[in-house]
Amino acid sequence: MEKIEKIFMFVIENPVNKEEGIIAANMDGSWIPFVGSDLARVNKLIPLANEIAQQANETYKILYFSNREDVTSLFKSEIYKKQTEQ
């Protein structure tokens, strides 16, 4: 398995308030988000995203992110824990 350096995300935008949400499918009781780190995965998700968007009468967009930053230590820090407890 290669190191993930980029990610593609399927997003639907609410036309009224412009909020965005990641497209996901419920598979056997678990929500699976439509994200992929390579074009092969993205190409497999496109037909499913088309079906979901058609059923919701919405359009979707595919976003691309490529600025990898490991923030694990931030979430494990005492400062973060104290901020989220408030």
C-alpha atoms as a PDB file:
ATOM      1  CA  MET A   1       0.000   0.000   0.000  1.00  0.00           C
ATOM      2  CA  GLU A   2       1.375   3.384  -1.011  1.00  0.00           C
ATOM      3  CA  LYS A   3       1.537   6.483   1.148  1.00  0.00           C
ATOM      4  CA  ILE A   4      -1.575   8.655   0.650  1.00  0.00           C
ATOM      5  CA  GLU A   5      -0.454  12.034  -0.680  1.00  0.00           C
ATOM      6  CA  LYS A   6      -3.732  13.237  -2.185  1.00  0.00           C
ATOM      7  CA  ILE A   7      -7.435  12.629  -1.753  1.00  0.00           C
ATOM      8  CA  PHE A   8     -10.540  13.123  -3.857  1.00  0.00           C
ATOM      9  CA  MET A   9     -13.862  13.814  -2.130  1.00  0.00           C
ATOM     10  CA  PHE A  10     -17.397  13.749  -3.542  1.00  0.00           C
ATOM     11  CA  VAL A  11     -19.448  16.645  -2.156  1.00  0.00           C
ATOM     12  CA  ILE A  12     -23.039  17.852  -2.534  1.00  0.00           C
ATOM     13  CA  GLU A  13     -23.752  21.523  -1.877  1.00  0.00           C
ATOM     14  CA  ASN A  14     -27.051  22.732  -0.434  1.00  0.00           C
ATOM     15  CA  PRO A  15     -28.211  25.380  -2.967  1.00  0.00           C
ATOM     16  CA  VAL A  16     -29.994  27.425  -0.293  1.00  0.00           C
ATOM     17  CA  ASN A  17     -27.383  27.876   2.438  1.00  0.00           C
ATOM     18  CA  LYS A  18     -24.299  26.728   0.454  1.00  0.00           C
ATOM     19  CA  GLU A  19     -23.331  24.183   3.123  1.00  0.00           C
ATOM     20  CA  GLU A  20     -21.468  21.145   1.835  1.00  0.00           C
ATOM     21  CA  GLY A  21     -21.608  17.504   2.817  1.00  0.00           C
ATOM     22  CA  ILE A  22     -19.610  14.476   1.800  1.00  0.00           C
ATOM     23  CA  ILE A  23     -21.611  11.969  -0.224  1.00  0.00           C
ATOM     24  CA  ALA A  24     -21.850   8.660   1.618  1.00  0.00           C
ATOM     25  CA  ALA A  25     -23.659   5.369   1.184  1.00  0.00           C
ATOM     26  CA  ASN A  26     -25.120   3.185   3.912  1.00  0.00           C
ATOM     27  CA  MET A  27     -23.715  -0.305   3.441  1.00  0.00           C
ATOM     28  CA  ASP A  28     -24.773  -2.938   5.929  1.00  0.00           C
ATOM     29  CA  GLY A  29     -25.484  -0.313   8.603  1.00  0.00           C
ATOM     30  CA  SER A  30     -22.232   1.626   8.174  1.00  0.00           C
ATOM     31  CA  TRP A  31     -21.884   4.937   6.368  1.00  0.00           C
ATOM     32  CA  ILE A  32     -19.089   4.812   3.790  1.00  0.00           C
ATOM     33  CA  PRO A  33     -17.884   8.256   2.595  1.00  0.00           C
ATOM     34  CA  PHE A  34     -17.120   8.760  -1.071  1.00  0.00           C
ATOM     35  CA  VAL A  35     -13.408   9.512  -0.919  1.00  0.00           C
ATOM     36  CA  GLY A  36     -10.498   8.043  -2.810  1.00  0.00           C
ATOM     37  CA  SER A  37      -6.770   8.485  -3.079  1.00  0.00           C
ATOM     38  CA  ASP A  38      -6.447   7.447  -6.717  1.00  0.00           C
ATOM     39  CA  LEU A  39      -8.334   7.844  -9.973  1.00  0.00           C
ATOM     40  CA  ALA A  40      -9.254   4.154 -10.143  1.00  0.00           C
ATOM     41  CA  ARG A  41     -11.286   4.512  -6.931  1.00  0.00           C
ATOM     42  CA  VAL A  42     -12.791   7.825  -8.087  1.00  0.00           C
ATOM     43  CA  ASN A  43     -13.891   6.253 -11.373  1.00  0.00           C
ATOM     44  CA  LYS A  44     -15.619   3.441  -9.459  1.00  0.00           C
ATOM     45  CA  LEU A  45     -17.479   5.959  -7.275  1.00  0.00           C
ATOM     46  CA  ILE A  46     -18.725   8.191 -10.109  1.00  0.00           C
ATOM     47  CA  PRO A  47     -21.656   5.930 -11.169  1.00  0.00           C
ATOM     48  CA  LEU A  48     -22.775   5.605  -7.533  1.00  0.00           C
ATOM     49  CA  ALA A  49     -22.463   9.361  -6.997  1.00  0.00           C
ATOM     50  CA  ASN A  50     -24.504   9.945 -10.168  1.00  0.00           C
ATOM     51  CA  GLU A  51     -27.257   7.680  -8.839  1.00  0.00           C
ATOM     52  CA  ILE A  52     -27.324   9.351  -5.407  1.00  0.00           C
ATOM     53  CA  ALA A  53     -27.316  12.851  -6.909  1.00  0.00           C
ATOM     54  CA  GLN A  54     -30.139  11.927  -9.279  1.00  0.00           C
ATOM     55  CA  GLN A  55     -32.236  10.497  -6.443  1.00  0.00           C
ATOM     56  CA  ALA A  56     -31.604  13.641  -4.356  1.00  0.00           C
ATOM     57  CA  ASN A  57     -32.207  15.897  -7.387  1.00  0.00           C
ATOM     58  CA  GLU A  58     -28.853  17.562  -6.675  1.00  0.00           C
ATOM     59  CA  THR A  59     -25.533  17.964  -8.428  1.00  0.00           C
ATOM     60  CA  TYR A  60     -22.193  17.042  -6.929  1.00  0.00           C
ATOM     61  CA  LYS A  61     -18.603  18.073  -7.305  1.00  0.00           C
ATOM     62  CA  ILE A  62     -15.367  16.191  -6.837  1.00  0.00           C
ATOM     63  CA  LEU A  63     -12.840  18.057  -4.704  1.00  0.00           C
ATOM     64  CA  TYR A  64      -9.096  17.357  -4.769  1.00  0.00           C
ATOM     65  CA  PHE A  65      -6.812  17.886  -1.775  1.00  0.00           C
ATOM     66  CA  SER A  66      -3.047  17.489  -1.979  1.00  0.00           C
ATOM     67  CA  ASN A  67      -1.482  19.220   1.011  1.00  0.00           C
ATOM     68  CA  ARG A  68      -0.689  16.374   3.401  1.00  0.00           C
ATOM     69  CA  GLU A  69      -0.030  17.304   7.008  1.00  0.00           C
ATOM     70  CA  ASP A  70       0.014  14.879   9.929  1.00  0.00           C
ATOM     71  CA  VAL A  71      -1.850  16.545  12.816  1.00  0.00           C
ATOM     72  CA  THR A  72      -2.108  13.498  15.074  1.00  0.00           C
ATOM     73  CA  SER A  73      -0.010  15.095  17.796  1.00  0.00           C
ATOM     74  CA  LEU A  74      -2.333  18.129  17.858  1.00  0.00           C
ATOM     75  CA  PHE A  75      -5.327  15.956  18.720  1.00  0.00           C
ATOM     76  CA  LYS A  76      -3.367  14.067  21.353  1.00  0.00           C
ATOM     77  CA  SER A  77      -2.109  17.223  23.045  1.00  0.00           C
ATOM     78  CA  GLU A  78      -3.284  18.353  26.466  1.00  0.00           C
ATOM     79  CA  ILE A  79      -4.158  21.786  25.058  1.00  0.00           C
ATOM     80  CA  TYR A  80      -6.630  20.251  22.591  1.00  0.00           C
ATOM     81  CA  LYS A  81      -8.164  18.035  25.253  1.00  0.00           C
ATOM     82  CA  LYS A  82      -8.692  21.015  27.551  1.00  0.00           C
ATOM     83  CA  GLN A  83     -10.261  23.095  24.756  1.00  0.00           C
ATOM     84  CA  THR A  84     -12.746  20.384  23.824  1.00  0.00           C
ATOM     85  CA  GLU A  85     -13.773  19.828  27.457  1.00  0.00           C
ATOM     86  CA  GLN A  86     -15.052  23.392  27.784  1.00  0.00           C
END
